[in-house]
PDB file of all heavy atoms in Angstrom:
ATOM      1  N   ASP A   1      -7.034 -14.016   0.323  1.00  0.00           N
ATOM      2  CA  ASP A   1      -6.021 -14.882   0.935  1.00  0.00           C
ATOM      3  C   ASP A   1      -5.270 -14.188   2.064  1.00  0.00           C
ATOM      4  O   ASP A   1      -4.350 -14.760   2.645  1.00  0.00           O
ATOM      5  CB  ASP A   1      -5.016 -15.345  -0.134  1.00  0.00           C
ATOM      6  CG  ASP A   1      -5.642 -16.329  -1.106  1.00  0.00           C
ATOM      7  OD1 ASP A   1      -6.653 -16.963  -0.744  1.00  0.00           O
ATOM      8  OD2 ASP A   1      -5.126 -16.459  -2.226  1.00  0.00           O
ATOM      9  N   ASN A   2      -5.653 -12.950   2.348  1.00  0.00           N
ATOM     10  CA  ASN A   2      -4.958 -12.186   3.397  1.00  0.00           C
ATOM     11  C   ASN A   2      -5.935 -11.522   4.362  1.00  0.00           C
ATOM     12  O   ASN A   2      -5.862 -10.324   4.636  1.00  0.00           O
ATOM     13  CB  ASN A   2      -4.032 -11.141   2.762  1.00  0.00           C
ATOM     14  CG  ASN A   2      -2.794 -11.765   2.158  1.00  0.00           C
ATOM     15  OD1 ASN A   2      -1.832 -12.066   2.846  1.00  0.00           O
ATOM     16  ND2 ASN A   2      -2.821 -12.000   0.851  1.00  0.00           N
ATOM     17  N   GLY A   3      -6.887 -12.306   4.845  1.00  0.00           N
ATOM     18  CA  GLY A   3      -7.745 -11.840   5.942  1.00  0.00           C
ATOM     19  C   GLY A   3      -9.081 -11.237   5.564  1.00  0.00           C
ATOM     20  O   GLY A   3      -9.906 -10.961   6.431  1.00  0.00           O
ATOM     21  N   PHE A   4      -9.333 -10.988   4.281  1.00  0.00           N
ATOM     22  CA  PHE A   4     -10.627 -10.435   3.869  1.00  0.00           C
ATOM     23  C   PHE A   4     -11.589 -11.560   3.478  1.00  0.00           C
ATOM     24  O   PHE A   4     -11.168 -12.644   3.089  1.00  0.00           O
ATOM     25  CB  PHE A   4     -10.460  -9.500   2.660  1.00  0.00           C
ATOM     26  CG  PHE A   4      -9.890  -8.151   3.002  1.00  0.00           C
ATOM     27  CD1 PHE A   4      -8.510  -7.945   3.023  1.00  0.00           C
ATOM     28  CD2 PHE A   4     -10.723  -7.078   3.299  1.00  0.00           C
ATOM     29  CE1 PHE A   4      -7.978  -6.703   3.334  1.00  0.00           C
ATOM     30  CE2 PHE A   4     -10.202  -5.827   3.605  1.00  0.00           C
ATOM     31  CZ  PHE A   4      -8.829  -5.638   3.624  1.00  0.00           C
ATOM     32  N   THR A   5     -12.884 -11.287   3.572  1.00  0.00           N
ATOM     33  CA  THR A   5     -13.895 -12.168   2.988  1.00  0.00           C
ATOM     34  C   THR A   5     -14.766 -11.309   2.077  1.00  0.00           C
ATOM     35  O   THR A   5     -14.665 -10.079   2.088  1.00  0.00           O
ATOM     36  CB  THR A   5     -14.803 -12.806   4.062  1.00  0.00           C
ATOM     37  OG1 THR A   5     -15.687 -11.791   4.575  1.00  0.00           O
ATOM     38  CG2 THR A   5     -14.000 -13.409   5.202  1.00  0.00           C
ATOM     39  N   ALA A   6     -15.655 -11.959   1.322  1.00  0.00           N
ATOM     40  CA  ALA A   6     -16.551 -11.205   0.434  1.00  0.00           C
ATOM     41  C   ALA A   6     -17.479 -10.304   1.247  1.00  0.00           C
ATOM     42  O   ALA A   6     -18.033  -9.336   0.722  1.00  0.00           O
ATOM     43  CB  ALA A   6     -17.356 -12.161  -0.431  1.00  0.00           C
ATOM     44  N   ALA A   7     -17.639 -10.624   2.549  1.00  0.00           N
ATOM     45  CA  ALA A   7     -18.547  -9.843   3.407  1.00  0.00           C
ATOM     46  C   ALA A   7     -17.811  -8.807   4.258  1.00  0.00           C
ATOM     47  O   ALA A   7     -18.426  -8.132   5.082  1.00  0.00           O
ATOM     48  CB  ALA A   7     -19.335 -10.785   4.311  1.00  0.00           C
ATOM     49  N   SER A   8     -16.488  -8.672   4.066  1.00  0.00           N
ATOM     50  CA  SER A   8     -15.747  -7.635   4.799  1.00  0.00           C
ATOM     51  C   SER A   8     -16.281  -6.256   4.425  1.00  0.00           C
ATOM     52  O   SER A   8     -16.662  -6.028   3.273  1.00  0.00           O
ATOM     53  CB  SER A   8     -14.252  -7.692   4.462  1.00  0.00           C
ATOM     54  OG  SER A   8     -13.698  -8.919   4.860  1.00  0.00           O
ATOM     55  N   ILE A   9     -16.297  -5.352   5.404  1.00  0.00           N
ATOM     56  CA  ILE A   9     -16.792  -3.990   5.135  1.00  0.00           C
ATOM     57  C   ILE A   9     -15.611  -3.018   5.114  1.00  0.00           C
ATOM     58  O   ILE A   9     -14.778  -2.998   6.028  1.00  0.00           O
ATOM     59  CB  ILE A   9     -17.832  -3.567   6.203  1.00  0.00           C
ATOM     60  CG1 ILE A   9     -19.091  -4.445   6.044  1.00  0.00           C
ATOM     61  CG2 ILE A   9     -18.183  -2.090   6.066  1.00  0.00           C
ATOM     62  CD1 ILE A   9     -20.162  -4.207   7.072  1.00  0.00           C
ATOM     63  N   VAL A  10     -15.526  -2.256   4.027  1.00  0.00           N
ATOM     64  CA  VAL A  10     -14.423  -1.300   3.842  1.00  0.00           C
ATOM     65  C   VAL A  10     -15.033   0.059   3.527  1.00  0.00           C
ATOM     66  O   VAL A  10     -16.066   0.144   2.848  1.00  0.00           O
ATOM     67  CB  VAL A  10     -13.497  -1.743   2.679  1.00  0.00           C
ATOM     68  CG1 VAL A  10     -12.286  -0.821   2.574  1.00  0.00           C
ATOM     69  CG2 VAL A  10     -13.036  -3.187   2.866  1.00  0.00           C
ATOM     70  N   LEU A  11     -14.395   1.113   4.007  1.00  0.00           N
ATOM     71  CA  LEU A  11     -14.939   2.462   3.825  1.00  0.00           C
ATOM     72  C   LEU A  11     -14.697   2.977   2.408  1.00  0.00           C
ATOM     73  O   LEU A  11     -13.588   2.894   1.887  1.00  0.00           O
ATOM     74  CB  LEU A  11     -14.299   3.407   4.846  1.00  0.00           C
ATOM     75  CG  LEU A  11     -14.928   4.802   4.957  1.00  0.00           C
ATOM     76  CD1 LEU A  11     -16.382   4.716   5.439  1.00  0.00           C
ATOM     77  CD2 LEU A  11     -14.117   5.676   5.899  1.00  0.00           C
ATOM     78  N   ASP A  12     -15.766   3.494   1.797  1.00  0.00           N
ATOM     79  CA  ASP A  12     -15.652   4.164   0.499  1.00  0.00           C
ATOM     80  C   ASP A  12     -15.771   5.661   0.768  1.00  0.00           C
ATOM     81  O   ASP A  12     -16.865   6.200   0.917  1.00  0.00           O
ATOM     82  CB  ASP A  12     -16.778   3.683  -0.430  1.00  0.00           C
ATOM     83  CG  ASP A  12     -16.671   4.274  -1.835  1.00  0.00           C
ATOM     84  OD1 ASP A  12     -15.810   5.142  -2.041  1.00  0.00           O
ATOM     85  OD2 ASP A  12     -17.448   3.870  -2.703  1.00  0.00           O
ATOM     86  N   ALA A  13     -14.618   6.304   0.891  1.00  0.00           N
ATOM     87  CA  ALA A  13     -14.576   7.737   1.225  1.00  0.00           C
ATOM     88  C   ALA A  13     -13.328   8.339   0.596  1.00  0.00           C
ATOM     89  O   ALA A  13     -12.412   7.611   0.220  1.00  0.00           O
ATOM     90  CB  ALA A  13     -14.549   7.905   2.744  1.00  0.00           C
ATOM     91  N   PRO A  14     -13.290   9.685   0.475  1.00  0.00           N
ATOM     92  CA  PRO A  14     -12.138  10.323  -0.205  1.00  0.00           C
ATOM     93  C   PRO A  14     -10.800   9.993   0.455  1.00  0.00           C
ATOM     94  O   PRO A  14     -10.713   9.817   1.664  1.00  0.00           O
ATOM     95  CB  PRO A  14     -12.437  11.821  -0.075  1.00  0.00           C
ATOM     96  CG  PRO A  14     -13.911  11.902   0.159  1.00  0.00           C
ATOM     97  CD  PRO A  14     -14.291  10.664   0.900  1.00  0.00           C
ATOM     98  N   ILE A  15      -9.772   9.892  -0.373  1.00  0.00           N
ATOM     99  CA  ILE A  15      -8.402   9.687   0.097  1.00  0.00           C
ATOM    100  C   ILE A  15      -7.516  10.653  -0.684  1.00  0.00           C
ATOM    101  O   ILE A  15      -7.732  10.854  -1.880  1.00  0.00           O
ATOM    102  CB  ILE A  15      -7.866   8.260  -0.223  1.00  0.00           C
ATOM    103  CG1 ILE A  15      -8.868   7.177   0.144  1.00  0.00           C
ATOM    104  CG2 ILE A  15      -6.543   8.002   0.448  1.00  0.00           C
ATOM    105  CD1 ILE A  15      -8.434   5.772  -0.271  1.00  0.00           C
ATOM    106  N   VAL A  16      -6.534  11.233   0.001  1.00  0.00           N
ATOM    107  CA  VAL A  16      -5.550  12.068  -0.704  1.00  0.00           C
ATOM    108  C   VAL A  16      -4.160  11.575  -0.306  1.00  0.00           C
ATOM    109  O   VAL A  16      -3.873  11.382   0.874  1.00  0.00           O
ATOM    110  CB  VAL A  16      -5.688  13.562  -0.338  1.00  0.00           C
ATOM    111  CG1 VAL A  16      -4.633  14.387  -1.066  1.00  0.00           C
ATOM    112  CG2 VAL A  16      -7.072  14.077  -0.687  1.00  0.00           C
ATOM    113  N   TYR A  17      -3.309  11.316  -1.302  1.00  0.00           N
ATOM    114  CA  TYR A  17      -1.941  10.881  -1.045  1.00  0.00           C
ATOM    115  C   TYR A  17      -0.978  11.904  -1.602  1.00  0.00           C
ATOM    116  O   TYR A  17      -1.243  12.508  -2.625  1.00  0.00           O
ATOM    117  CB  TYR A  17      -1.649   9.539  -1.730  1.00  0.00           C
ATOM    118  CG  TYR A  17      -2.349   8.383  -1.089  1.00  0.00           C
ATOM    119  CD1 TYR A  17      -3.491   7.828  -1.665  1.00  0.00           C
ATOM    120  CD2 TYR A  17      -1.889   7.848   0.111  1.00  0.00           C
ATOM    121  CE1 TYR A  17      -4.145   6.772  -1.068  1.00  0.00           C
ATOM    122  CE2 TYR A  17      -2.545   6.792   0.711  1.00  0.00           C
ATOM    123  CZ  TYR A  17      -3.671   6.260   0.118  1.00  0.00           C
ATOM    124  OH  TYR A  17      -4.329   5.223   0.715  1.00  0.00           O
ATOM    125  N   GLN A  18       0.147  12.057  -0.887  1.00  0.00           N
ATOM    126  CA  GLN A  18       1.211  12.913  -1.404  1.00  0.00           C
ATOM    127  C   GLN A  18       2.356  11.999  -1.809  1.00  0.00           C
ATOM    128  O   GLN A  18       2.823  11.203  -0.988  1.00  0.00           O
ATOM    129  CB  GLN A  18       1.674  13.881  -0.322  1.00  0.00           C
ATOM    130  CG  GLN A  18       2.517  14.994  -0.883  1.00  0.00           C
ATOM    131  CD  GLN A  18       2.657  16.149   0.099  1.00  0.00           C
ATOM    132  OE1 GLN A  18       2.208  16.066   1.220  1.00  0.00           O
ATOM    133  NE2 GLN A  18       3.302  17.207  -0.322  1.00  0.00           N
ATOM    134  N   ASP A  19       2.750  12.063  -3.083  1.00  0.00           N
ATOM    135  CA  ASP A  19       3.887  11.226  -3.461  1.00  0.00           C
ATOM    136  C   ASP A  19       5.179  11.963  -3.120  1.00  0.00           C
ATOM    137  O   ASP A  19       5.166  13.101  -2.673  1.00  0.00           O
ATOM    138  CB  ASP A  19       3.811  10.815  -4.938  1.00  0.00           C
ATOM    139  CG  ASP A  19       3.972  11.980  -5.898  1.00  0.00           C
ATOM    140  OD1 ASP A  19       4.465  13.032  -5.448  1.00  0.00           O
ATOM    141  OD2 ASP A  19       3.613  11.840  -7.084  1.00  0.00           O
ATOM    142  N   GLY A  20       6.294  11.297  -3.297  1.00  0.00           N
ATOM    143  CA  GLY A  20       7.585  11.851  -2.894  1.00  0.00           C
ATOM    144  C   GLY A  20       7.905  13.187  -3.524  1.00  0.00           C
ATOM    145  O   GLY A  20       8.634  13.993  -2.955  1.00  0.00           O
ATOM    146  N   SER A  21       7.360  13.478  -4.696  1.00  0.00           N
ATOM    147  CA  SER A  21       7.711  14.706  -5.415  1.00  0.00           C
ATOM    148  C   SER A  21       6.845  15.902  -4.990  1.00  0.00           C
ATOM    149  O   SER A  21       6.937  16.974  -5.554  1.00  0.00           O
ATOM    150  CB  SER A  21       7.550  14.489  -6.928  1.00  0.00           C
ATOM    151  OG  SER A  21       6.188  14.261  -7.232  1.00  0.00           O
ATOM    152  N   GLY A  22       5.988  15.677  -3.987  1.00  0.00           N
ATOM    153  CA  GLY A  22       5.122  16.766  -3.528  1.00  0.00           C
ATOM    154  C   GLY A  22       3.819  16.872  -4.288  1.00  0.00           C
ATOM    155  O   GLY A  22       2.998  17.746  -4.043  1.00  0.00           O
ATOM    156  N   GLN A  23       3.615  15.979  -5.263  1.00  0.00           N
ATOM    157  CA  GLN A  23       2.357  15.966  -6.029  1.00  0.00           C
ATOM    158  C   GLN A  23       1.258  15.302  -5.203  1.00  0.00           C
ATOM    159  O   GLN A  23       1.507  14.361  -4.470  1.00  0.00           O
ATOM    160  CB  GLN A  23       2.543  15.160  -7.324  1.00  0.00           C
ATOM    161  CG  GLN A  23       3.476  15.794  -8.336  1.00  0.00           C
ATOM    162  CD  GLN A  23       2.857  16.997  -9.025  1.00  0.00           C
ATOM    163  OE1 GLN A  23       1.704  16.968  -9.421  1.00  0.00           O
ATOM    164  NE2 GLN A  23       3.627  18.065  -9.146  1.00  0.00           N
ATOM    165  N   MET A  24       0.036  15.795  -5.332  1.00  0.00           N
ATOM    166  CA  MET A  24      -1.106  15.192  -4.639  1.00  0.00           C
ATOM    167  C   MET A  24      -1.801  14.213  -5.578  1.00  0.00           C
ATOM    168  O   MET A  24      -2.011  14.515  -6.754  1.00  0.00           O
ATOM    169  CB  MET A  24      -2.112  16.263  -4.197  1.00  0.00           C
ATOM    170  CG  MET A  24      -1.530  17.299  -3.269  1.00  0.00           C
ATOM    171  SD  MET A  24      -0.938  16.579  -1.733  1.00  0.00           S
ATOM    172  CE  MET A  24      -2.211  17.057  -0.619  1.00  0.00           C
ATOM    173  N   TRP A  25      -2.149  13.046  -5.054  1.00  0.00           N
ATOM    174  CA  TRP A  25      -2.917  12.057  -5.826  1.00  0.00           C
ATOM    175  C   TRP A  25      -4.238  11.851  -5.124  1.00  0.00           C
ATOM    176  O   TRP A  25      -4.291  11.476  -3.965  1.00  0.00           O
ATOM    177  CB  TRP A  25      -2.141  10.738  -5.927  1.00  0.00           C
ATOM    178  CG  TRP A  25      -2.860   9.698  -6.746  1.00  0.00           C
ATOM    179  CD1 TRP A  25      -3.384   9.863  -7.993  1.00  0.00           C
ATOM    180  CD2 TRP A  25      -3.144   8.338  -6.385  1.00  0.00           C
ATOM    181  NE1 TRP A  25      -3.972   8.682  -8.432  1.00  0.00           N
ATOM    182  CE2 TRP A  25      -3.833   7.741  -7.466  1.00  0.00           C
ATOM    183  CE3 TRP A  25      -2.873   7.558  -5.249  1.00  0.00           C
ATOM    184  CZ2 TRP A  25      -4.254   6.403  -7.444  1.00  0.00           C
ATOM    185  CZ3 TRP A  25      -3.285   6.232  -5.231  1.00  0.00           C
ATOM    186  CH2 TRP A  25      -3.978   5.667  -6.319  1.00  0.00           C
ATOM    187  N   LYS A  26      -5.327  12.156  -5.835  1.00  0.00           N
ATOM    188  CA  LYS A  26      -6.652  12.078  -5.219  1.00  0.00           C
ATOM    189  C   LYS A  26      -7.541  11.170  -6.073  1.00  0.00           C
ATOM    190  O   LYS A  26      -8.268  11.648  -6.948  1.00  0.00           O
ATOM    191  CB  LYS A  26      -7.237  13.494  -5.131  1.00  0.00           C
ATOM    192  CG  LYS A  26      -8.456  13.580  -4.233  1.00  0.00           C
ATOM    193  CD  LYS A  26      -8.984  15.005  -4.185  1.00  0.00           C
ATOM    194  CE  LYS A  26     -10.357  15.019  -3.547  1.00  0.00           C
ATOM    195  NZ  LYS A  26     -11.055  16.278  -3.741  1.00  0.00           N
ATOM    196  N   PRO A  27      -7.455   9.843  -5.853  1.00  0.00           N
ATOM    197  CA  PRO A  27      -8.283   8.934  -6.665  1.00  0.00           C
ATOM    198  C   PRO A  27      -9.766   9.127  -6.385  1.00  0.00           C
ATOM    199  O   PRO A  27     -10.153   9.511  -5.274  1.00  0.00           O
ATOM    200  CB  PRO A  27      -7.824   7.542  -6.216  1.00  0.00           C
ATOM    201  CG  PRO A  27      -7.200   7.735  -4.881  1.00  0.00           C
ATOM    202  CD  PRO A  27      -6.662   9.128  -4.842  1.00  0.00           C
ATOM    203  N   GLU A  28     -10.585   8.875  -7.390  1.00  0.00           N
ATOM    204  CA  GLU A  28     -12.045   9.006  -7.227  1.00  0.00           C
ATOM    205  C   GLU A  28     -12.740   7.813  -7.851  1.00  0.00           C
ATOM    206  O   GLU A  28     -12.158   7.099  -8.664  1.00  0.00           O
ATOM    207  CB  GLU A  28     -12.542  10.285  -7.929  1.00  0.00           C
ATOM    208  CG  GLU A  28     -12.128  11.562  -7.228  1.00  0.00           C
ATOM    209  CD  GLU A  28     -12.774  12.795  -7.857  1.00  0.00           C
ATOM    210  OE1 GLU A  28     -13.337  12.680  -8.972  1.00  0.00           O
ATOM    211  OE2 GLU A  28     -12.703  13.863  -7.240  1.00  0.00           O
ATOM    212  N   ASN A  29     -14.013   7.605  -7.478  1.00  0.00           N
ATOM    213  CA  ASN A  29     -14.834   6.613  -8.166  1.00  0.00           C
ATOM    214  C   ASN A  29     -15.250   7.184  -9.517  1.00  0.00           C
ATOM    215  O   ASN A  29     -15.330   8.398  -9.685  1.00  0.00           O
ATOM    216  CB  ASN A  29     -16.078   6.269  -7.338  1.00  0.00           C
ATOM    217  CG  ASN A  29     -15.728   5.468  -6.099  1.00  0.00           C
ATOM    218  OD1 ASN A  29     -14.823   4.648  -6.122  1.00  0.00           O
ATOM    219  ND2 ASN A  29     -16.431   5.715  -5.009  1.00  0.00           N
ATOM    220  N   PHE A  30     -15.547   6.307 -10.466  1.00  0.00           N
ATOM    221  CA  PHE A  30     -15.921   6.738 -11.815  1.00  0.00           C
ATOM    222  C   PHE A  30     -17.100   7.713 -11.778  1.00  0.00           C
ATOM    223  O   PHE A  30     -17.140   8.696 -12.494  1.00  0.00           O
ATOM    224  CB  PHE A  30     -16.268   5.513 -12.689  1.00  0.00           C
ATOM    225  CG  PHE A  30     -16.583   5.865 -14.117  1.00  0.00           C
ATOM    226  CD1 PHE A  30     -15.568   6.200 -15.006  1.00  0.00           C
ATOM    227  CD2 PHE A  30     -17.894   5.883 -14.576  1.00  0.00           C
ATOM    228  CE1 PHE A  30     -15.852   6.528 -16.336  1.00  0.00           C
ATOM    229  CE2 PHE A  30     -18.192   6.214 -15.901  1.00  0.00           C
ATOM    230  CZ  PHE A  30     -17.165   6.539 -16.767  1.00  0.00           C
ATOM    231  N   GLU A  31     -18.077   7.428 -10.870  1.00  0.00           N
ATOM    232  CA  GLU A  31     -19.281   8.283 -10.812  1.00  0.00           C
ATOM    233  C   GLU A  31     -19.037   9.582 -10.049  1.00  0.00           C
ATOM    234  O   GLU A  31     -19.890  10.462 -10.048  1.00  0.00           O
ATOM    235  CB  GLU A  31     -20.443   7.544 -10.117  1.00  0.00           C
ATOM    236  CG  GLU A  31     -20.709   6.143 -10.609  1.00  0.00           C
ATOM    237  CD  GLU A  31     -19.884   5.091  -9.860  1.00  0.00           C
ATOM    238  OE1 GLU A  31     -18.934   5.450  -9.148  1.00  0.00           O
ATOM    239  OE2 GLU A  31     -20.203   3.917  -9.995  1.00  0.00           O
ATOM    240  N   GLY A  32     -17.855   9.669  -9.379  1.00  0.00           N
ATOM    241  CA  GLY A  32     -17.563  10.872  -8.594  1.00  0.00           C
ATOM    242  C   GLY A  32     -18.336  10.948  -7.285  1.00  0.00           C
ATOM    243  O   GLY A  32     -18.450  12.008  -6.679  1.00  0.00           O
ATOM    244  N   ILE A  33     -18.884   9.807  -6.833  1.00  0.00           N
ATOM    245  CA  ILE A  33     -19.697   9.753  -5.600  1.00  0.00           C
ATOM    246  C   ILE A  33     -18.994   8.837  -4.605  1.00  0.00           C
ATOM    247  O   ILE A  33     -18.314   7.897  -4.995  1.00  0.00           O
ATOM    248  CB  ILE A  33     -21.118   9.193  -5.908  1.00  0.00           C
ATOM    249  CG1 ILE A  33     -21.813  10.035  -6.975  1.00  0.00           C
ATOM    250  CG2 ILE A  33     -21.982   9.107  -4.663  1.00  0.00           C
ATOM    251  CD1 ILE A  33     -23.061   9.381  -7.550  1.00  0.00           C
ATOM    252  N   PHE A  34     -19.189   9.091  -3.316  1.00  0.00           N
ATOM    253  CA  PHE A  34     -18.652   8.209  -2.269  1.00  0.00           C
ATOM    254  C   PHE A  34     -19.815   7.525  -1.565  1.00  0.00           C
ATOM    255  O   PHE A  34     -20.834   8.141  -1.290  1.00  0.00           O
ATOM    256  CB  PHE A  34     -17.817   9.026  -1.280  1.00  0.00           C
ATOM    257  CG  PHE A  34     -16.763   9.866  -1.954  1.00  0.00           C
ATOM    258  CD1 PHE A  34     -16.888  11.251  -2.035  1.00  0.00           C
ATOM    259  CD2 PHE A  34     -15.659   9.268  -2.541  1.00  0.00           C
ATOM    260  CE1 PHE A  34     -15.934  12.023  -2.683  1.00  0.00           C
ATOM    261  CE2 PHE A  34     -14.700  10.036  -3.190  1.00  0.00           C
ATOM    262  CZ  PHE A  34     -14.834  11.403  -3.255  1.00  0.00           C
ATOM    263  N   TYR A  35     -19.645   6.225  -1.273  1.00  0.00           N
ATOM    264  CA  TYR A  35     -20.782   5.438  -0.789  1.00  0.00           C
ATOM    265  C   TYR A  35     -20.682   5.004   0.671  1.00  0.00           C
ATOM    266  O   TYR A  35     -21.535   4.267   1.155  1.00  0.00           O
ATOM    267  CB  TYR A  35     -20.964   4.199  -1.679  1.00  0.00           C
ATOM    268  CG  TYR A  35     -21.341   4.547  -3.101  1.00  0.00           C
ATOM    269  CD1 TYR A  35     -20.363   4.797  -4.065  1.00  0.00           C
ATOM    270  CD2 TYR A  35     -22.676   4.649  -3.486  1.00  0.00           C
ATOM    271  CE1 TYR A  35     -20.708   5.134  -5.371  1.00  0.00           C
ATOM    272  CE2 TYR A  35     -23.024   4.974  -4.796  1.00  0.00           C
ATOM    273  CZ  TYR A  35     -22.036   5.211  -5.725  1.00  0.00           C
ATOM    274  OH  TYR A  35     -22.382   5.538  -7.017  1.00  0.00           O
ATOM    275  N   GLY A  36     -19.619   5.420   1.397  1.00  0.00           N
ATOM    276  CA  GLY A  36     -19.503   5.040   2.809  1.00  0.00           C
ATOM    277  C   GLY A  36     -19.133   3.572   2.978  1.00  0.00           C
ATOM    278  O   GLY A  36     -18.550   2.963   2.081  1.00  0.00           O
ATOM    279  N   PRO A  37     -19.483   2.952   4.127  1.00  0.00           N
ATOM    280  CA  PRO A  37     -19.120   1.552   4.381  1.00  0.00           C
ATOM    281  C   PRO A  37     -19.684   0.631   3.284  1.00  0.00           C
ATOM    282  O   PRO A  37     -20.873   0.686   2.981  1.00  0.00           O
ATOM    283  CB  PRO A  37     -19.764   1.250   5.737  1.00  0.00           C
ATOM    284  CG  PRO A  37     -19.950   2.594   6.373  1.00  0.00           C
ATOM    285  CD  PRO A  37     -20.213   3.552   5.259  1.00  0.00           C
ATOM    286  N   THR A  38     -18.821  -0.169   2.690  1.00  0.00           N
ATOM    287  CA  THR A  38     -19.191  -0.978   1.521  1.00  0.00           C
ATOM    288  C   THR A  38     -18.690  -2.406   1.690  1.00  0.00           C
ATOM    289  O   THR A  38     -17.564  -2.622   2.151  1.00  0.00           O
ATOM    290  CB  THR A  38     -18.552  -0.371   0.239  1.00  0.00           C
ATOM    291  OG1 THR A  38     -18.966   0.997   0.119  1.00  0.00           O
ATOM    292  CG2 THR A  38     -18.948  -1.119  -1.008  1.00  0.00           C
ATOM    293  N   LEU A  39     -19.518  -3.384   1.313  1.00  0.00           N
ATOM    294  CA  LEU A  39     -19.077  -4.782   1.326  1.00  0.00           C
ATOM    295  C   LEU A  39     -18.008  -4.989   0.260  1.00  0.00           C
ATOM    296  O   LEU A  39     -18.090  -4.397  -0.826  1.00  0.00           O
ATOM    297  CB  LEU A  39     -20.249  -5.724   1.017  1.00  0.00           C
ATOM    298  CG  LEU A  39     -21.332  -5.891   2.086  1.00  0.00           C
ATOM    299  CD1 LEU A  39     -22.511  -6.655   1.514  1.00  0.00           C
ATOM    300  CD2 LEU A  39     -20.773  -6.638   3.294  1.00  0.00           C
ATOM    301  N   LEU A  40     -17.046  -5.841   0.550  1.00  0.00           N
ATOM    302  CA  LEU A  40     -16.002  -6.154  -0.422  1.00  0.00           C
ATOM    303  C   LEU A  40     -16.634  -6.659  -1.726  1.00  0.00           C
ATOM    304  O   LEU A  40     -16.228  -6.286  -2.821  1.00  0.00           O
ATOM    305  CB  LEU A  40     -15.075  -7.238   0.149  1.00  0.00           C
ATOM    306  CG  LEU A  40     -13.721  -7.368  -0.533  1.00  0.00           C
ATOM    307  CD1 LEU A  40     -12.811  -6.236  -0.103  1.00  0.00           C
ATOM    308  CD2 LEU A  40     -13.069  -8.704  -0.222  1.00  0.00           C
ATOM    309  N   ARG A  41     -17.664  -7.494  -1.587  1.00  0.00           N
ATOM    310  CA  ARG A  41     -18.393  -8.032  -2.737  1.00  0.00           C
ATOM    311  C   ARG A  41     -18.919  -6.901  -3.622  1.00  0.00           C
ATOM    312  O   ARG A  41     -18.713  -6.882  -4.832  1.00  0.00           O
ATOM    313  CB  ARG A  41     -19.551  -8.895  -2.208  1.00  0.00           C
ATOM    314  CG  ARG A  41     -20.531  -9.332  -3.238  1.00  0.00           C
ATOM    315  CD  ARG A  41     -21.861  -9.729  -2.585  1.00  0.00           C
ATOM    316  NE  ARG A  41     -22.873  -9.904  -3.612  1.00  0.00           N
ATOM    317  CZ  ARG A  41     -23.508  -8.920  -4.212  1.00  0.00           C
ATOM    318  NH1 ARG A  41     -23.240  -7.660  -3.906  1.00  0.00           N
ATOM    319  NH2 ARG A  41     -24.411  -9.158  -5.144  1.00  0.00           N
TER     320      ARG A  41
END
């Protein structure tokens, strides 16, 4: 409802966030692999 479609392409690559307390948050996929450009579907 906000501009995406099932065919939108989004990057599947590592991300690192720093929260306010200085802690690093590094989410991963369950398999621990990154797949590059990925369809929303």
